[in-house]
Amino acid sequence: MNKYEKAFEHLREHASFDTVDEMIDIKELVERATPQKLLYNGEYVSFCNCPNCKKVVPIHGNYCPRCGQALDWRVEDD
């Protein structure tokens, strides 16, 4: 659990929200800030897609330039 997820859980337990929409908005921000594994196009690591918007992302950027999703570039060895 990263620091954003911990903060969200703390808010969920201790804060009161006026609407469910506020809670959903905060959860979406937490998910967007949490690095996600890229979608690889076959063997070509330089051409990857954002796991959120599915658009091609530049190599080794920390965030998708289109939707802002945090990206995790680590490749797991099989």
N, C-alpha and C. Protein backbone atom coordinates (compact mmCIF):
# COMPACT_ATOMS: atom_id res chain seq x y z
N MET A 1 0.86 -1.18 0.00
CA MET A 1 0.00 0.00 0.00
C MET A 1 0.90 1.24 0.00
N ASN A 2 0.68 2.13 -0.98
CA ASN A 2 1.51 3.33 -1.04
C ASN A 2 0.91 4.45 -0.19
N LYS A 3 1.60 5.58 -0.14
CA LYS A 3 1.17 6.67 0.74
C LYS A 3 -0.18 7.24 0.33
N TYR A 4 -0.51 7.23 -0.94
CA TYR A 4 -1.80 7.73 -1.39
C TYR A 4 -2.93 6.80 -0.94
N GLU A 5 -2.69 5.51 -1.06
CA GLU A 5 -3.69 4.54 -0.63
C GLU A 5 -3.91 4.61 0.88
N LYS A 6 -2.83 4.79 1.65
CA LYS A 6 -2.96 4.92 3.10
C LYS A 6 -3.77 6.17 3.46
N ALA A 7 -3.48 7.27 2.77
CA ALA A 7 -4.22 8.51 3.05
C ALA A 7 -5.69 8.36 2.69
N PHE A 8 -5.98 7.68 1.59
CA PHE A 8 -7.37 7.46 1.19
C PHE A 8 -8.10 6.63 2.23
N GLU A 9 -7.47 5.55 2.69
CA GLU A 9 -8.09 4.71 3.70
C GLU A 9 -8.35 5.49 4.99
N HIS A 10 -7.40 6.34 5.37
CA HIS A 10 -7.58 7.16 6.58
C HIS A 10 -8.78 8.11 6.39
N LEU A 11 -8.86 8.76 5.23
CA LEU A 11 -9.99 9.64 4.96
C LEU A 11 -11.31 8.88 4.97
N ARG A 12 -11.29 7.72 4.37
CA ARG A 12 -12.51 6.92 4.30
C ARG A 12 -13.02 6.54 5.68
N GLU A 13 -12.10 6.27 6.60
CA GLU A 13 -12.48 5.85 7.94
C GLU A 13 -12.83 7.02 8.85
N HIS A 14 -12.19 8.18 8.66
CA HIS A 14 -12.31 9.27 9.62
C HIS A 14 -12.99 10.53 9.13
N ALA A 15 -13.22 10.66 7.85
CA ALA A 15 -13.81 11.89 7.33
C ALA A 15 -15.24 11.63 6.88
N SER A 16 -16.01 12.67 6.89
CA SER A 16 -17.37 12.54 6.37
C SER A 16 -17.43 13.27 5.04
N PHE A 17 -18.03 12.63 4.07
CA PHE A 17 -18.16 13.21 2.74
C PHE A 17 -19.62 13.56 2.52
N ASP A 18 -19.85 14.69 1.85
CA ASP A 18 -21.21 15.12 1.57
C ASP A 18 -21.88 14.24 0.53
N THR A 19 -21.10 13.76 -0.43
CA THR A 19 -21.67 12.92 -1.48
C THR A 19 -20.73 11.76 -1.78
N VAL A 20 -21.29 10.76 -2.36
CA VAL A 20 -20.51 9.59 -2.79
C VAL A 20 -19.56 10.02 -3.91
N ASP A 21 -19.98 11.01 -4.71
CA ASP A 21 -19.15 11.48 -5.83
C ASP A 21 -17.80 11.99 -5.35
N GLU A 22 -17.77 12.67 -4.19
CA GLU A 22 -16.49 13.16 -3.64
C GLU A 22 -15.57 12.00 -3.35
N MET A 23 -16.11 10.94 -2.77
CA MET A 23 -15.31 9.76 -2.44
C MET A 23 -14.79 9.10 -3.72
N ILE A 24 -15.63 9.02 -4.74
CA ILE A 24 -15.23 8.42 -6.01
C ILE A 24 -14.12 9.25 -6.65
N ASP A 25 -14.24 10.58 -6.61
CA ASP A 25 -13.22 11.46 -7.19
C ASP A 25 -11.87 11.25 -6.51
N ILE A 26 -11.86 11.15 -5.20
CA ILE A 26 -10.62 10.95 -4.46
C ILE A 26 -10.03 9.57 -4.79
N LYS A 27 -10.85 8.55 -4.87
CA LYS A 27 -10.39 7.20 -5.20
C LYS A 27 -9.76 7.18 -6.60
N GLU A 28 -10.37 7.90 -7.55
CA GLU A 28 -9.80 7.95 -8.90
C GLU A 28 -8.43 8.63 -8.90
N LEU A 29 -8.27 9.68 -8.09
CA LEU A 29 -6.97 10.34 -7.99
C LEU A 29 -5.92 9.41 -7.40
N VAL A 30 -6.31 8.63 -6.40
CA VAL A 30 -5.39 7.67 -5.79
C VAL A 30 -4.98 6.63 -6.82
N GLU A 31 -5.93 6.11 -7.58
CA GLU A 31 -5.62 5.11 -8.60
C GLU A 31 -4.72 5.68 -9.69
N ARG A 32 -4.94 6.92 -10.07
CA ARG A 32 -4.13 7.55 -11.11
C ARG A 32 -2.71 7.79 -10.63
N ALA A 33 -2.53 8.06 -9.32
CA ALA A 33 -1.20 8.34 -8.77
C ALA A 33 -0.42 7.06 -8.46
N THR A 34 -1.10 5.92 -8.44
CA THR A 34 -0.46 4.65 -8.16
C THR A 34 0.11 4.08 -9.46
N PRO A 35 1.43 3.90 -9.56
CA PRO A 35 2.03 3.41 -10.80
C PRO A 35 1.44 2.07 -11.23
N GLN A 36 1.09 1.99 -12.51
CA GLN A 36 0.52 0.77 -13.08
C GLN A 36 1.48 0.21 -14.12
N LYS A 37 1.48 -1.11 -14.24
CA LYS A 37 2.31 -1.77 -15.25
C LYS A 37 1.82 -1.40 -16.64
N LEU A 38 2.75 -1.22 -17.55
CA LEU A 38 2.43 -0.89 -18.92
C LEU A 38 1.93 -2.10 -19.68
N LEU A 39 1.21 -1.84 -20.75
CA LEU A 39 0.76 -2.90 -21.65
C LEU A 39 1.77 -2.97 -22.78
N TYR A 40 2.51 -4.07 -22.86
CA TYR A 40 3.57 -4.22 -23.85
C TYR A 40 3.02 -4.78 -25.14
N ASN A 41 3.52 -4.24 -26.25
CA ASN A 41 3.13 -4.71 -27.58
C ASN A 41 4.16 -5.74 -28.05
N GLY A 42 3.98 -6.96 -27.67
CA GLY A 42 4.90 -8.03 -28.09
C GLY A 42 6.27 -7.86 -27.48
N GLU A 43 7.30 -8.02 -28.29
CA GLU A 43 8.68 -7.98 -27.82
C GLU A 43 9.25 -6.57 -27.78
N TYR A 44 8.56 -5.61 -28.35
CA TYR A 44 9.10 -4.26 -28.47
C TYR A 44 8.76 -3.42 -27.26
N VAL A 45 9.70 -3.33 -26.33
CA VAL A 45 9.49 -2.61 -25.08
C VAL A 45 9.35 -1.11 -25.32
N SER A 46 9.91 -0.60 -26.41
CA SER A 46 9.84 0.84 -26.67
C SER A 46 8.44 1.29 -27.11
N PHE A 47 7.58 0.36 -27.48
CA PHE A 47 6.22 0.70 -27.84
C PHE A 47 5.27 0.10 -26.83
N CYS A 48 4.87 0.90 -25.86
CA CYS A 48 4.00 0.42 -24.79
C CYS A 48 2.74 1.27 -24.75
N ASN A 49 1.70 0.71 -24.15
CA ASN A 49 0.45 1.42 -24.02
C ASN A 49 0.14 1.68 -22.55
N CYS A 50 -0.50 2.81 -22.32
CA CYS A 50 -0.93 3.18 -20.97
C CYS A 50 -2.00 2.19 -20.51
N PRO A 51 -1.92 1.70 -19.28
CA PRO A 51 -2.93 0.76 -18.79
C PRO A 51 -4.28 1.43 -18.55
N ASN A 52 -4.30 2.76 -18.49
CA ASN A 52 -5.54 3.48 -18.22
C ASN A 52 -6.26 3.87 -19.51
N CYS A 53 -5.59 4.64 -20.39
CA CYS A 53 -6.24 5.14 -21.61
C CYS A 53 -5.90 4.32 -22.85
N LYS A 54 -4.96 3.38 -22.72
CA LYS A 54 -4.56 2.46 -23.80
C LYS A 54 -3.81 3.14 -24.94
N LYS A 55 -3.42 4.41 -24.81
CA LYS A 55 -2.67 5.12 -25.85
C LYS A 55 -1.19 4.78 -25.74
N VAL A 56 -0.46 4.89 -26.85
CA VAL A 56 0.99 4.67 -26.85
C VAL A 56 1.65 5.77 -26.03
N VAL A 57 2.60 5.38 -25.17
CA VAL A 57 3.31 6.34 -24.33
C VAL A 57 4.78 6.40 -24.72
N PRO A 58 5.41 7.58 -24.56
CA PRO A 58 6.85 7.69 -24.84
C PRO A 58 7.65 6.83 -23.88
N ILE A 59 8.78 6.35 -24.34
CA ILE A 59 9.59 5.46 -23.52
C ILE A 59 10.10 6.16 -22.26
N HIS A 60 9.92 5.53 -21.17
CA HIS A 60 10.44 5.90 -19.85
C HIS A 60 9.93 7.22 -19.29
N GLY A 61 8.75 7.65 -19.66
CA GLY A 61 8.12 8.77 -18.98
C GLY A 61 7.51 8.25 -17.69
N ASN A 62 7.44 9.08 -16.67
CA ASN A 62 6.86 8.63 -15.40
C ASN A 62 5.33 8.66 -15.40
N TYR A 63 4.77 9.44 -16.32
CA TYR A 63 3.31 9.58 -16.39
C TYR A 63 2.87 9.56 -17.84
N CYS A 64 1.66 9.09 -18.08
CA CYS A 64 1.09 9.14 -19.42
C CYS A 64 0.80 10.61 -19.75
N PRO A 65 1.28 11.10 -20.90
CA PRO A 65 1.06 12.50 -21.25
C PRO A 65 -0.40 12.80 -21.61
N ARG A 66 -1.18 11.78 -21.85
CA ARG A 66 -2.58 12.01 -22.23
C ARG A 66 -3.53 12.00 -21.05
N CYS A 67 -3.38 11.04 -20.15
CA CYS A 67 -4.34 10.94 -19.04
C CYS A 67 -3.73 11.16 -17.66
N GLY A 68 -2.39 11.18 -17.57
CA GLY A 68 -1.73 11.44 -16.29
C GLY A 68 -1.50 10.23 -15.42
N GLN A 69 -1.81 9.03 -15.89
CA GLN A 69 -1.60 7.81 -15.12
C GLN A 69 -0.13 7.64 -14.80
N ALA A 70 0.20 7.37 -13.53
CA ALA A 70 1.58 7.05 -13.15
C ALA A 70 1.93 5.69 -13.76
N LEU A 71 3.15 5.57 -14.29
CA LEU A 71 3.56 4.37 -15.00
C LEU A 71 4.69 3.63 -14.30
N ASP A 72 4.63 2.32 -14.32
CA ASP A 72 5.65 1.45 -13.74
C ASP A 72 6.34 0.73 -14.90
N TRP A 73 7.59 1.11 -15.17
CA TRP A 73 8.34 0.58 -16.31
C TRP A 73 9.12 -0.69 -15.97
N ARG A 74 9.08 -1.15 -14.75
CA ARG A 74 9.86 -2.35 -14.40
C ARG A 74 9.37 -3.54 -15.20
N VAL A 75 10.32 -4.26 -15.77
CA VAL A 75 10.00 -5.48 -16.53
C VAL A 75 10.36 -6.66 -15.65
N GLU A 76 9.39 -7.54 -15.45
CA GLU A 76 9.62 -8.73 -14.63
C GLU A 76 10.25 -9.82 -15.49
N ASP A 77 11.29 -10.44 -14.97
CA ASP A 77 11.94 -11.54 -15.68
C ASP A 77 11.13 -12.81 -15.50
N ASP A 78 10.98 -13.56 -16.59
CA ASP A 78 10.23 -14.82 -16.52
C ASP A 78 11.11 -15.94 -16.09
